[in-house]
All heavy atoms as atom14 arrays in JSON, in Angstrom:
{
  "sequence": "AVIDNGSGMTSKQLNNWAVYRLSKFTRQGDFESDHSGYVRPLPVPRS",
  "atom14_mask": [
    [1, 1, 1, 1, 1, 0, 0, 0, 0, 0, 0, 0, 0, 0],
    [1, 1, 1, 1, 1, 1, 1, 0, 0, 0, 0, 0, 0, 0],
    [1, 1, 1, 1, 1, 1, 1, 1, 0, 0, 0, 0, 0, 0],
    [1, 1, 1, 1, 1, 1, 1, 1, 0, 0, 0, 0, 0, 0],
    [1, 1, 1, 1, 1, 1, 1, 1, 0, 0, 0, 0, 0, 0],
    [1, 1, 1, 1, 0, 0, 0, 0, 0, 0, 0, 0, 0, 0],
    [1, 1, 1, 1, 1, 1, 0, 0, 0, 0, 0, 0, 0, 0],
    [1, 1, 1, 1, 0, 0, 0, 0, 0, 0, 0, 0, 0, 0],
    [1, 1, 1, 1, 1, 1, 1, 1, 0, 0, 0, 0, 0, 0],
    [1, 1, 1, 1, 1, 1, 1, 0, 0, 0, 0, 0, 0, 0],
    [1, 1, 1, 1, 1, 1, 0, 0, 0, 0, 0, 0, 0, 0],
    [1, 1, 1, 1, 1, 1, 1, 1, 1, 0, 0, 0, 0, 0],
    [1, 1, 1, 1, 1, 1, 1, 1, 1, 0, 0, 0, 0, 0],
    [1, 1, 1, 1, 1, 1, 1, 1, 0, 0, 0, 0, 0, 0],
    [1, 1, 1, 1, 1, 1, 1, 1, 0, 0, 0, 0, 0, 0],
    [1, 1, 1, 1, 1, 1, 1, 1, 0, 0, 0, 0, 0, 0],
    [1, 1, 1, 1, 1, 1, 1, 1, 1, 1, 1, 1, 1, 1],
    [1, 1, 1, 1, 1, 0, 0, 0, 0, 0, 0, 0, 0, 0],
    [1, 1, 1, 1, 1, 1, 1, 0, 0, 0, 0, 0, 0, 0],
    [1, 1, 1, 1, 1, 1, 1, 1, 1, 1, 1, 1, 0, 0],
    [1, 1, 1, 1, 1, 1, 1, 1, 1, 1, 1, 0, 0, 0],
    [1, 1, 1, 1, 1, 1, 1, 1, 0, 0, 0, 0, 0, 0],
    [1, 1, 1, 1, 1, 1, 0, 0, 0, 0, 0, 0, 0, 0],
    [1, 1, 1, 1, 1, 1, 1, 1, 1, 0, 0, 0, 0, 0],
    [1, 1, 1, 1, 1, 1, 1, 1, 1, 1, 1, 0, 0, 0],
    [1, 1, 1, 1, 1, 1, 1, 0, 0, 0, 0, 0, 0, 0],
    [1, 1, 1, 1, 1, 1, 1, 1, 1, 1, 1, 0, 0, 0],
    [1, 1, 1, 1, 1, 1, 1, 1, 1, 0, 0, 0, 0, 0],
    [1, 1, 1, 1, 0, 0, 0, 0, 0, 0, 0, 0, 0, 0],
    [1, 1, 1, 1, 1, 1, 1, 1, 0, 0, 0, 0, 0, 0],
    [1, 1, 1, 1, 1, 1, 1, 1, 1, 1, 1, 0, 0, 0],
    [1, 1, 1, 1, 1, 1, 1, 1, 1, 0, 0, 0, 0, 0],
    [1, 1, 1, 1, 1, 1, 0, 0, 0, 0, 0, 0, 0, 0],
    [1, 1, 1, 1, 1, 1, 1, 1, 0, 0, 0, 0, 0, 0],
    [1, 1, 1, 1, 1, 1, 1, 1, 1, 1, 0, 0, 0, 0],
    [1, 1, 1, 1, 1, 1, 0, 0, 0, 0, 0, 0, 0, 0],
    [1, 1, 1, 1, 0, 0, 0, 0, 0, 0, 0, 0, 0, 0],
    [1, 1, 1, 1, 1, 1, 1, 1, 1, 1, 1, 1, 0, 0],
    [1, 1, 1, 1, 1, 1, 1, 0, 0, 0, 0, 0, 0, 0],
    [1, 1, 1, 1, 1, 1, 1, 1, 1, 1, 1, 0, 0, 0],
    [1, 1, 1, 1, 1, 1, 1, 0, 0, 0, 0, 0, 0, 0],
    [1, 1, 1, 1, 1, 1, 1, 1, 0, 0, 0, 0, 0, 0],
    [1, 1, 1, 1, 1, 1, 1, 0, 0, 0, 0, 0, 0, 0],
    [1, 1, 1, 1, 1, 1, 1, 0, 0, 0, 0, 0, 0, 0],
    [1, 1, 1, 1, 1, 1, 1, 0, 0, 0, 0, 0, 0, 0],
    [1, 1, 1, 1, 1, 1, 1, 1, 1, 1, 1, 0, 0, 0],
    [1, 1, 1, 1, 1, 1, 0, 0, 0, 0, 0, 0, 0, 0]
  ],
  "atom14_positions": [
    [[-77.96, -100.9, 125.7], [-77.57, -99.57, 126.37], [-76.23, -99.12, 125.84], [-75.25, -99.9, 125.83], [-77.59, -99.74, 127.83], [0.0, 0.0, 0.0], [0.0, 0.0, 0.0], [0.0, 0.0, 0.0], [0.0, 0.0, 0.0], [0.0, 0.0, 0.0], [0.0, 0.0, 0.0], [0.0, 0.0, 0.0], [0.0, 0.0, 0.0], [0.0, 0.0, 0.0]],
    [[-76.09, -97.78, 125.42], [-74.87, -97.26, 125.0], [-74.58, -96.13, 126.03], [-75.35, -95.23, 126.19], [-75.09, -96.6, 123.57], [-73.76, -95.95, 123.09], [-75.54, -97.61, 122.55], [0.0, 0.0, 0.0], [0.0, 0.0, 0.0], [0.0, 0.0, 0.0], [0.0, 0.0, 0.0], [0.0, 0.0, 0.0], [0.0, 0.0, 0.0], [0.0, 0.0, 0.0]],
    [[-73.39, -96.18, 126.7], [-73.12, -95.44, 127.88], [-71.73, -94.63, 127.48], [-70.8, -95.38, 127.03], [-73.0, -96.19, 129.09], [-74.32, -97.14, 129.4], [-72.62, -95.36, 130.27], [-74.13, -98.02, 130.49], [0.0, 0.0, 0.0], [0.0, 0.0, 0.0], [0.0, 0.0, 0.0], [0.0, 0.0, 0.0], [0.0, 0.0, 0.0], [0.0, 0.0, 0.0]],
    [[-71.7, -93.42, 127.76], [-70.42, -92.74, 127.54], [-70.15, -91.63, 128.54], [-71.02, -91.28, 129.39], [-70.5, -91.98, 125.97], [-71.51, -90.89, 125.86], [-71.41, -90.01, 126.61], [-72.4, -91.08, 125.09], [0.0, 0.0, 0.0], [0.0, 0.0, 0.0], [0.0, 0.0, 0.0], [0.0, 0.0, 0.0], [0.0, 0.0, 0.0], [0.0, 0.0, 0.0]],
    [[-68.99, -91.07, 128.54], [-68.65, -90.02, 129.43], [-68.45, -88.67, 128.81], [-67.53, -88.02, 129.15], [-67.33, -90.39, 130.3], [-66.06, -90.49, 129.4], [-66.25, -90.57, 128.16], [-64.94, -90.27, 129.88], [0.0, 0.0, 0.0], [0.0, 0.0, 0.0], [0.0, 0.0, 0.0], [0.0, 0.0, 0.0], [0.0, 0.0, 0.0], [0.0, 0.0, 0.0]],
    [[-69.34, -88.45, 127.91], [-69.3, -87.2, 127.02], [-69.78, -86.05, 127.79], [-70.07, -86.02, 128.94], [0.0, 0.0, 0.0], [0.0, 0.0, 0.0], [0.0, 0.0, 0.0], [0.0, 0.0, 0.0], [0.0, 0.0, 0.0], [0.0, 0.0, 0.0], [0.0, 0.0, 0.0], [0.0, 0.0, 0.0], [0.0, 0.0, 0.0], [0.0, 0.0, 0.0]],
    [[-69.94, -84.89, 127.03], [-70.29, -83.6, 127.53], [-71.8, -83.52, 128.13], [-72.09, -82.63, 128.88], [-70.12, -82.56, 126.6], [-70.97, -82.89, 125.23], [0.0, 0.0, 0.0], [0.0, 0.0, 0.0], [0.0, 0.0, 0.0], [0.0, 0.0, 0.0], [0.0, 0.0, 0.0], [0.0, 0.0, 0.0], [0.0, 0.0, 0.0], [0.0, 0.0, 0.0]],
    [[-72.56, -84.4, 127.71], [-74.02, -84.4, 128.25], [-74.89, -83.55, 127.35], [-74.3, -82.74, 126.63], [0.0, 0.0, 0.0], [0.0, 0.0, 0.0], [0.0, 0.0, 0.0], [0.0, 0.0, 0.0], [0.0, 0.0, 0.0], [0.0, 0.0, 0.0], [0.0, 0.0, 0.0], [0.0, 0.0, 0.0], [0.0, 0.0, 0.0], [0.0, 0.0, 0.0]],
    [[-76.15, -83.67, 127.55], [-77.13, -82.9, 126.71], [-78.14, -82.25, 127.78], [-78.47, -82.76, 128.67], [-77.84, -83.78, 125.8], [-76.98, -84.48, 124.86], [-77.95, -85.71, 123.83], [-78.8, -84.6, 122.73], [0.0, 0.0, 0.0], [0.0, 0.0, 0.0], [0.0, 0.0, 0.0], [0.0, 0.0, 0.0], [0.0, 0.0, 0.0], [0.0, 0.0, 0.0]],
    [[-78.46, -81.03, 127.36], [-79.52, -80.17, 128.05], [-80.8, -80.67, 127.62], [-80.99, -81.54, 126.65], [-79.43, -78.77, 127.7], [-79.65, -78.53, 126.38], [-77.9, -78.18, 127.98], [0.0, 0.0, 0.0], [0.0, 0.0, 0.0], [0.0, 0.0, 0.0], [0.0, 0.0, 0.0], [0.0, 0.0, 0.0], [0.0, 0.0, 0.0], [0.0, 0.0, 0.0]],
    [[-81.81, -80.3, 128.33], [-83.22, -80.77, 127.91], [-83.61, -80.36, 126.51], [-84.22, -81.06, 125.8], [-84.19, -80.25, 128.99], [-84.16, -78.81, 128.88], [0.0, 0.0, 0.0], [0.0, 0.0, 0.0], [0.0, 0.0, 0.0], [0.0, 0.0, 0.0], [0.0, 0.0, 0.0], [0.0, 0.0, 0.0], [0.0, 0.0, 0.0], [0.0, 0.0, 0.0]],
    [[-83.15, -79.08, 126.1], [-83.48, -78.67, 124.84], [-82.68, -79.43, 123.71], [-83.32, -79.77, 122.78], [-83.1, -77.09, 124.72], [-83.45, -76.53, 123.36], [-84.98, -76.66, 123.11], [-85.32, -75.96, 121.77], [-86.81, -75.95, 121.64], [0.0, 0.0, 0.0], [0.0, 0.0, 0.0], [0.0, 0.0, 0.0], [0.0, 0.0, 0.0], [0.0, 0.0, 0.0]],
    [[-81.47, -79.81, 124.13], [-80.72, -80.6, 123.15], [-81.36, -81.97, 122.85], [-81.37, -82.61, 121.82], [-79.28, -80.8, 123.57], [-78.6, -79.37, 123.43], [-77.16, -79.57, 124.04], [-76.97, -80.12, 125.06], [-76.09, -78.69, 123.52], [0.0, 0.0, 0.0], [0.0, 0.0, 0.0], [0.0, 0.0, 0.0], [0.0, 0.0, 0.0], [0.0, 0.0, 0.0]],
    [[-81.81, -82.57, 124.05], [-82.68, -83.82, 123.95], [-83.83, -83.67, 123.13], [-84.18, -84.46, 122.34], [-82.97, -84.37, 125.25], [-81.87, -84.95, 126.14], [-82.37, -85.35, 127.49], [-81.24, -86.18, 125.44], [0.0, 0.0, 0.0], [0.0, 0.0, 0.0], [0.0, 0.0, 0.0], [0.0, 0.0, 0.0], [0.0, 0.0, 0.0], [0.0, 0.0, 0.0]],
    [[-84.6, -82.53, 123.24], [-85.58, -82.16, 122.41], [-85.29, -82.11, 121.05], [-85.96, -82.69, 120.1], [-86.16, -80.85, 123.0], [-87.56, -80.51, 122.31], [-87.83, -80.81, 121.1], [-88.5, -79.78, 123.05], [0.0, 0.0, 0.0], [0.0, 0.0, 0.0], [0.0, 0.0, 0.0], [0.0, 0.0, 0.0], [0.0, 0.0, 0.0], [0.0, 0.0, 0.0]],
    [[-84.17, -81.39, 120.76], [-83.8, -81.37, 119.31], [-83.46, -82.75, 118.74], [-83.72, -83.06, 117.6], [-82.44, -80.52, 119.18], [-82.73, -79.01, 119.37], [-83.92, -78.58, 119.33], [-81.73, -78.25, 119.69], [0.0, 0.0, 0.0], [0.0, 0.0, 0.0], [0.0, 0.0, 0.0], [0.0, 0.0, 0.0], [0.0, 0.0, 0.0], [0.0, 0.0, 0.0]],
    [[-82.83, -83.68, 119.59], [-82.49, -84.97, 119.2], [-83.76, -85.68, 118.68], [-83.75, -86.47, 117.68], [-81.79, -85.74, 120.22], [-81.33, -87.16, 119.78], [-80.19, -87.49, 119.15], [-82.13, -88.36, 119.88], [-80.11, -88.81, 118.95], [-81.28, -89.38, 119.25], [-83.3, -88.65, 120.43], [-81.73, -90.71, 119.31], [-83.63, -90.0, 120.33], [-82.91, -90.94, 119.89]],
    [[-84.91, -85.43, 119.35], [-86.14, -86.06, 119.12], [-86.78, -85.68, 117.88], [-87.59, -86.42, 117.35], [-87.05, -86.07, 120.33], [0.0, 0.0, 0.0], [0.0, 0.0, 0.0], [0.0, 0.0, 0.0], [0.0, 0.0, 0.0], [0.0, 0.0, 0.0], [0.0, 0.0, 0.0], [0.0, 0.0, 0.0], [0.0, 0.0, 0.0], [0.0, 0.0, 0.0]],
    [[-86.56, -84.49, 117.4], [-87.32, -83.98, 116.23], [-86.82, -84.5, 114.98], [-85.54, -84.61, 114.75], [-87.13, -82.42, 116.2], [-87.87, -81.84, 114.96], [-87.65, -81.76, 117.53], [0.0, 0.0, 0.0], [0.0, 0.0, 0.0], [0.0, 0.0, 0.0], [0.0, 0.0, 0.0], [0.0, 0.0, 0.0], [0.0, 0.0, 0.0], [0.0, 0.0, 0.0]],
    [[-87.7, -85.06, 114.23], [-87.37, -85.81, 112.98], [-86.68, -84.88, 111.94], [-87.11, -83.81, 111.78], [-88.66, -86.45, 112.35], [-88.42, -87.16, 111.12], [-87.79, -88.47, 111.2], [-88.76, -86.79, 109.9], [-87.55, -89.11, 110.12], [-88.56, -87.42, 108.78], [-87.89, -88.7, 108.9], [-87.73, -89.41, 107.67], [0.0, 0.0, 0.0], [0.0, 0.0, 0.0]],
    [[-85.58, -85.39, 111.4], [-84.9, -84.7, 110.28], [-84.15, -83.49, 110.78], [-83.83, -82.68, 109.95], [-85.69, -84.5, 109.1], [-86.1, -85.73, 108.38], [-84.98, -86.61, 107.89], [-85.37, -87.69, 107.13], [-84.59, -88.71, 106.66], [-83.29, -88.72, 107.13], [-85.02, -89.61, 105.95], [0.0, 0.0, 0.0], [0.0, 0.0, 0.0], [0.0, 0.0, 0.0]],
    [[-83.9, -83.29, 112.03], [-83.18, -82.14, 112.54], [-81.65, -82.59, 112.68], [-81.19, -82.88, 113.59], [-83.63, -81.64, 113.87], [-83.01, -80.42, 114.42], [-83.31, -79.18, 113.45], [-83.58, -79.96, 115.76], [0.0, 0.0, 0.0], [0.0, 0.0, 0.0], [0.0, 0.0, 0.0], [0.0, 0.0, 0.0], [0.0, 0.0, 0.0], [0.0, 0.0, 0.0]],
    [[-81.07, -82.6, 111.46], [-79.69, -83.14, 111.44], [-78.71, -82.28, 112.16], [-78.89, -81.07, 112.36], [-79.26, -83.13, 109.89], [-77.81, -83.24, 109.87], [0.0, 0.0, 0.0], [0.0, 0.0, 0.0], [0.0, 0.0, 0.0], [0.0, 0.0, 0.0], [0.0, 0.0, 0.0], [0.0, 0.0, 0.0], [0.0, 0.0, 0.0], [0.0, 0.0, 0.0]],
    [[-77.75, -82.96, 112.7], [-76.76, -82.13, 113.53], [-75.81, -81.28, 112.5], [-75.12, -80.44, 113.08], [-75.78, -83.17, 114.23], [-74.85, -83.9, 113.33], [-74.0, -84.94, 114.18], [-73.15, -85.78, 113.31], [-72.46, -86.77, 114.13], [0.0, 0.0, 0.0], [0.0, 0.0, 0.0], [0.0, 0.0, 0.0], [0.0, 0.0, 0.0], [0.0, 0.0, 0.0]],
    [[-76.0, -81.49, 111.31], [-75.34, -80.56, 110.34], [-76.04, -79.36, 109.92], [-75.54, -78.45, 109.38], [-74.95, -81.42, 109.09], [-73.83, -82.47, 109.4], [-74.28, -83.77, 109.67], [-72.35, -82.12, 109.37], [-73.34, -84.7, 109.95], [-71.62, -83.13, 109.56], [-71.92, -84.39, 109.93], [0.0, 0.0, 0.0], [0.0, 0.0, 0.0], [0.0, 0.0, 0.0]],
    [[-77.22, -79.37, 110.21], [-78.16, -78.16, 109.89], [-78.8, -77.56, 111.14], [-79.33, -76.51, 111.14], [-79.25, -78.52, 108.84], [-80.11, -79.53, 109.53], [-78.65, -78.97, 107.65], [0.0, 0.0, 0.0], [0.0, 0.0, 0.0], [0.0, 0.0, 0.0], [0.0, 0.0, 0.0], [0.0, 0.0, 0.0], [0.0, 0.0, 0.0], [0.0, 0.0, 0.0]],
    [[-78.62, -78.22, 112.29], [-79.26, -77.74, 113.44], [-78.74, -76.42, 113.98], [-77.51, -76.2, 113.92], [-78.92, -78.79, 114.67], [-79.66, -78.59, 115.93], [-79.3, -79.76, 116.78], [-79.85, -81.07, 116.2], [-79.51, -82.35, 116.6], [-78.51, -82.47, 117.48], [-79.95, -83.26, 116.04], [0.0, 0.0, 0.0], [0.0, 0.0, 0.0], [0.0, 0.0, 0.0]],
    [[-79.65, -75.52, 114.2], [-79.17, -74.19, 114.65], [-79.41, -73.95, 116.2], [-80.46, -74.41, 116.68], [-79.99, -73.09, 113.92], [-79.69, -73.14, 112.42], [-78.31, -72.86, 111.96], [-77.71, -71.97, 112.53], [-77.74, -73.6, 111.14], [0.0, 0.0, 0.0], [0.0, 0.0, 0.0], [0.0, 0.0, 0.0], [0.0, 0.0, 0.0], [0.0, 0.0, 0.0]],
    [[-78.51, -73.32, 116.84], [-78.64, -73.02, 118.21], [-79.63, -71.91, 118.48], [-79.94, -71.03, 117.62], [0.0, 0.0, 0.0], [0.0, 0.0, 0.0], [0.0, 0.0, 0.0], [0.0, 0.0, 0.0], [0.0, 0.0, 0.0], [0.0, 0.0, 0.0], [0.0, 0.0, 0.0], [0.0, 0.0, 0.0], [0.0, 0.0, 0.0], [0.0, 0.0, 0.0]],
    [[-80.27, -71.84, 119.52], [-81.13, -70.76, 120.0], [-81.01, -70.55, 121.56], [-80.1, -70.97, 122.04], [-82.66, -71.14, 119.68], [-83.08, -72.4, 120.24], [-82.63, -72.7, 121.41], [-83.86, -73.03, 119.81], [0.0, 0.0, 0.0], [0.0, 0.0, 0.0], [0.0, 0.0, 0.0], [0.0, 0.0, 0.0], [0.0, 0.0, 0.0], [0.0, 0.0, 0.0]],
    [[-81.7, -69.57, 121.99], [-81.59, -69.19, 123.37], [-81.6, -70.35, 124.33], [-80.77, -70.34, 125.18], [-82.73, -68.04, 123.76], [-82.46, -67.54, 125.04], [-81.65, -66.53, 125.33], [-83.19, -68.1, 126.09], [-81.59, -65.98, 126.75], [-83.11, -67.59, 127.45], [-82.24, -66.62, 127.7], [0.0, 0.0, 0.0], [0.0, 0.0, 0.0], [0.0, 0.0, 0.0]],
    [[-82.48, -71.15, 124.13], [-82.66, -72.41, 125.05], [-81.53, -73.42, 124.89], [-81.09, -73.97, 125.86], [-83.99, -73.02, 124.94], [-85.0, -72.84, 126.08], [-84.58, -73.53, 127.28], [-83.47, -73.24, 127.86], [-85.2, -74.43, 127.81], [0.0, 0.0, 0.0], [0.0, 0.0, 0.0], [0.0, 0.0, 0.0], [0.0, 0.0, 0.0], [0.0, 0.0, 0.0]],
    [[-81.12, -73.62, 123.63], [-80.15, -74.74, 123.41], [-78.7, -74.31, 123.55], [-77.9, -75.29, 123.55], [-80.39, -75.26, 122.02], [-80.09, -74.19, 121.02], [0.0, 0.0, 0.0], [0.0, 0.0, 0.0], [0.0, 0.0, 0.0], [0.0, 0.0, 0.0], [0.0, 0.0, 0.0], [0.0, 0.0, 0.0], [0.0, 0.0, 0.0], [0.0, 0.0, 0.0]],
    [[-78.39, -73.17, 123.76], [-77.01, -72.56, 123.98], [-76.13, -73.24, 122.86], [-76.15, -72.68, 121.88], [-76.57, -73.21, 125.44], [-77.15, -72.47, 126.5], [-77.6, -71.35, 126.26], [-77.37, -73.02, 127.55], [0.0, 0.0, 0.0], [0.0, 0.0, 0.0], [0.0, 0.0, 0.0], [0.0, 0.0, 0.0], [0.0, 0.0, 0.0], [0.0, 0.0, 0.0]],
    [[-75.35, -74.27, 123.17], [-74.39, -74.67, 122.31], [-74.77, -76.0, 121.38], [-73.97, -76.87, 121.3], [-72.99, -74.89, 122.98], [-72.54, -73.84, 123.68], [-72.08, -72.58, 123.12], [-72.49, -73.54, 125.03], [-71.78, -71.7, 124.05], [-72.01, -72.22, 125.22], [0.0, 0.0, 0.0], [0.0, 0.0, 0.0], [0.0, 0.0, 0.0], [0.0, 0.0, 0.0]],
    [[-76.04, -76.15, 121.1], [-76.46, -77.28, 120.48], [-76.07, -77.32, 118.99], [-76.34, -78.32, 118.25], [-78.0, -77.41, 120.59], [-78.66, -76.47, 119.97], [0.0, 0.0, 0.0], [0.0, 0.0, 0.0], [0.0, 0.0, 0.0], [0.0, 0.0, 0.0], [0.0, 0.0, 0.0], [0.0, 0.0, 0.0], [0.0, 0.0, 0.0], [0.0, 0.0, 0.0]],
    [[-75.62, -76.23, 118.36], [-75.21, -76.18, 117.04], [-74.09, -77.22, 116.8], [-73.14, -77.23, 117.72], [0.0, 0.0, 0.0], [0.0, 0.0, 0.0], [0.0, 0.0, 0.0], [0.0, 0.0, 0.0], [0.0, 0.0, 0.0], [0.0, 0.0, 0.0], [0.0, 0.0, 0.0], [0.0, 0.0, 0.0], [0.0, 0.0, 0.0], [0.0, 0.0, 0.0]],
    [[-74.13, -77.99, 115.68], [-72.97, -78.96, 115.49], [-71.67, -78.32, 115.15], [-71.72, -77.45, 114.24], [-73.47, -79.99, 114.52], [-72.41, -80.97, 114.15], [-72.18, -82.03, 115.02], [-71.64, -80.91, 112.84], [-71.23, -83.01, 114.72], [-70.75, -81.93, 112.7], [-70.53, -82.94, 113.61], [-69.47, -83.91, 113.37], [0.0, 0.0, 0.0], [0.0, 0.0, 0.0]],
    [[-70.58, -78.7, 115.68], [-69.27, -78.32, 115.31], [-68.47, -79.51, 114.9], [-68.42, -80.54, 115.49], [-68.56, -77.67, 116.51], [-67.17, -77.2, 116.17], [-69.25, -76.44, 117.07], [0.0, 0.0, 0.0], [0.0, 0.0, 0.0], [0.0, 0.0, 0.0], [0.0, 0.0, 0.0], [0.0, 0.0, 0.0], [0.0, 0.0, 0.0], [0.0, 0.0, 0.0]],
    [[-68.02, -79.46, 113.59], [-67.33, -80.61, 113.13], [-66.01, -80.87, 113.87], [-65.25, -80.0, 114.09], [-66.98, -80.49, 111.58], [-66.32, -81.71, 111.01], [-66.14, -81.37, 109.42], [-67.33, -81.28, 108.67], [-67.98, -82.32, 108.28], [-67.56, -83.59, 108.45], [-69.1, -82.02, 107.55], [0.0, 0.0, 0.0], [0.0, 0.0, 0.0], [0.0, 0.0, 0.0]],
    [[-65.74, -82.19, 114.24], [-64.67, -82.38, 115.15], [-63.31, -82.22, 114.41], [-63.37, -81.96, 113.08], [-64.81, -83.97, 115.47], [-66.19, -84.24, 115.12], [-66.56, -83.34, 114.08], [0.0, 0.0, 0.0], [0.0, 0.0, 0.0], [0.0, 0.0, 0.0], [0.0, 0.0, 0.0], [0.0, 0.0, 0.0], [0.0, 0.0, 0.0], [0.0, 0.0, 0.0]],
    [[-62.31, -82.2, 115.24], [-60.98, -82.13, 114.53], [-60.63, -83.23, 113.64], [-61.12, -84.27, 113.89], [-59.8, -82.04, 115.73], [-59.92, -80.91, 116.69], [-59.02, -81.04, 117.85], [-59.74, -79.57, 115.98], [0.0, 0.0, 0.0], [0.0, 0.0, 0.0], [0.0, 0.0, 0.0], [0.0, 0.0, 0.0], [0.0, 0.0, 0.0], [0.0, 0.0, 0.0]],
    [[-59.76, -82.9, 112.63], [-59.58, -84.07, 111.75], [-58.74, -85.27, 112.34], [-57.58, -85.07, 112.55], [-58.62, -83.28, 110.62], [-58.16, -82.1, 111.15], [-59.12, -81.67, 112.29], [0.0, 0.0, 0.0], [0.0, 0.0, 0.0], [0.0, 0.0, 0.0], [0.0, 0.0, 0.0], [0.0, 0.0, 0.0], [0.0, 0.0, 0.0], [0.0, 0.0, 0.0]],
    [[-59.48, -86.34, 112.47], [-58.77, -87.45, 112.96], [-59.37, -88.72, 112.09], [-60.28, -88.38, 111.31], [-59.16, -87.78, 114.53], [-58.51, -86.82, 115.33], [-60.64, -87.86, 114.72], [0.0, 0.0, 0.0], [0.0, 0.0, 0.0], [0.0, 0.0, 0.0], [0.0, 0.0, 0.0], [0.0, 0.0, 0.0], [0.0, 0.0, 0.0], [0.0, 0.0, 0.0]],
    [[-58.99, -89.87, 112.28], [-59.49, -90.9, 111.33], [-61.06, -90.95, 111.47], [-61.56, -90.78, 112.49], [-58.89, -92.24, 112.1], [-57.59, -91.68, 112.5], [-57.76, -90.33, 113.1], [0.0, 0.0, 0.0], [0.0, 0.0, 0.0], [0.0, 0.0, 0.0], [0.0, 0.0, 0.0], [0.0, 0.0, 0.0], [0.0, 0.0, 0.0], [0.0, 0.0, 0.0]],
    [[-61.54, -91.09, 110.33], [-63.03, -90.98, 110.24], [-63.78, -91.95, 111.17], [-64.84, -91.6, 111.68], [-63.49, -91.34, 108.76], [-65.1, -91.06, 108.58], [-65.41, -91.22, 107.2], [-64.88, -90.09, 106.3], [-65.46, -88.79, 106.28], [-66.46, -88.72, 107.01], [-64.85, -87.92, 105.57], [0.0, 0.0, 0.0], [0.0, 0.0, 0.0], [0.0, 0.0, 0.0]],
    [[-63.2, -93.09, 111.58], [-63.84, -93.94, 112.48], [-64.03, -93.36, 113.82], [-64.73, -93.93, 114.68], [-63.12, -95.28, 112.61], [-61.81, -95.07, 113.02], [0.0, 0.0, 0.0], [0.0, 0.0, 0.0], [0.0, 0.0, 0.0], [0.0, 0.0, 0.0], [0.0, 0.0, 0.0], [0.0, 0.0, 0.0], [0.0, 0.0, 0.0], [0.0, 0.0, 0.0]]
  ]
}
């Protein structure tokens, strides 16, 4: 079990996660997914 206190995912974002090879770097947002497009985080240590 991996548990976090992050922003959470909508049902459409969970759907997107399930689709094979839908990388977070190429994933496009649509009407249902709102903000599911990947945004590269601020520059901090890669880990």
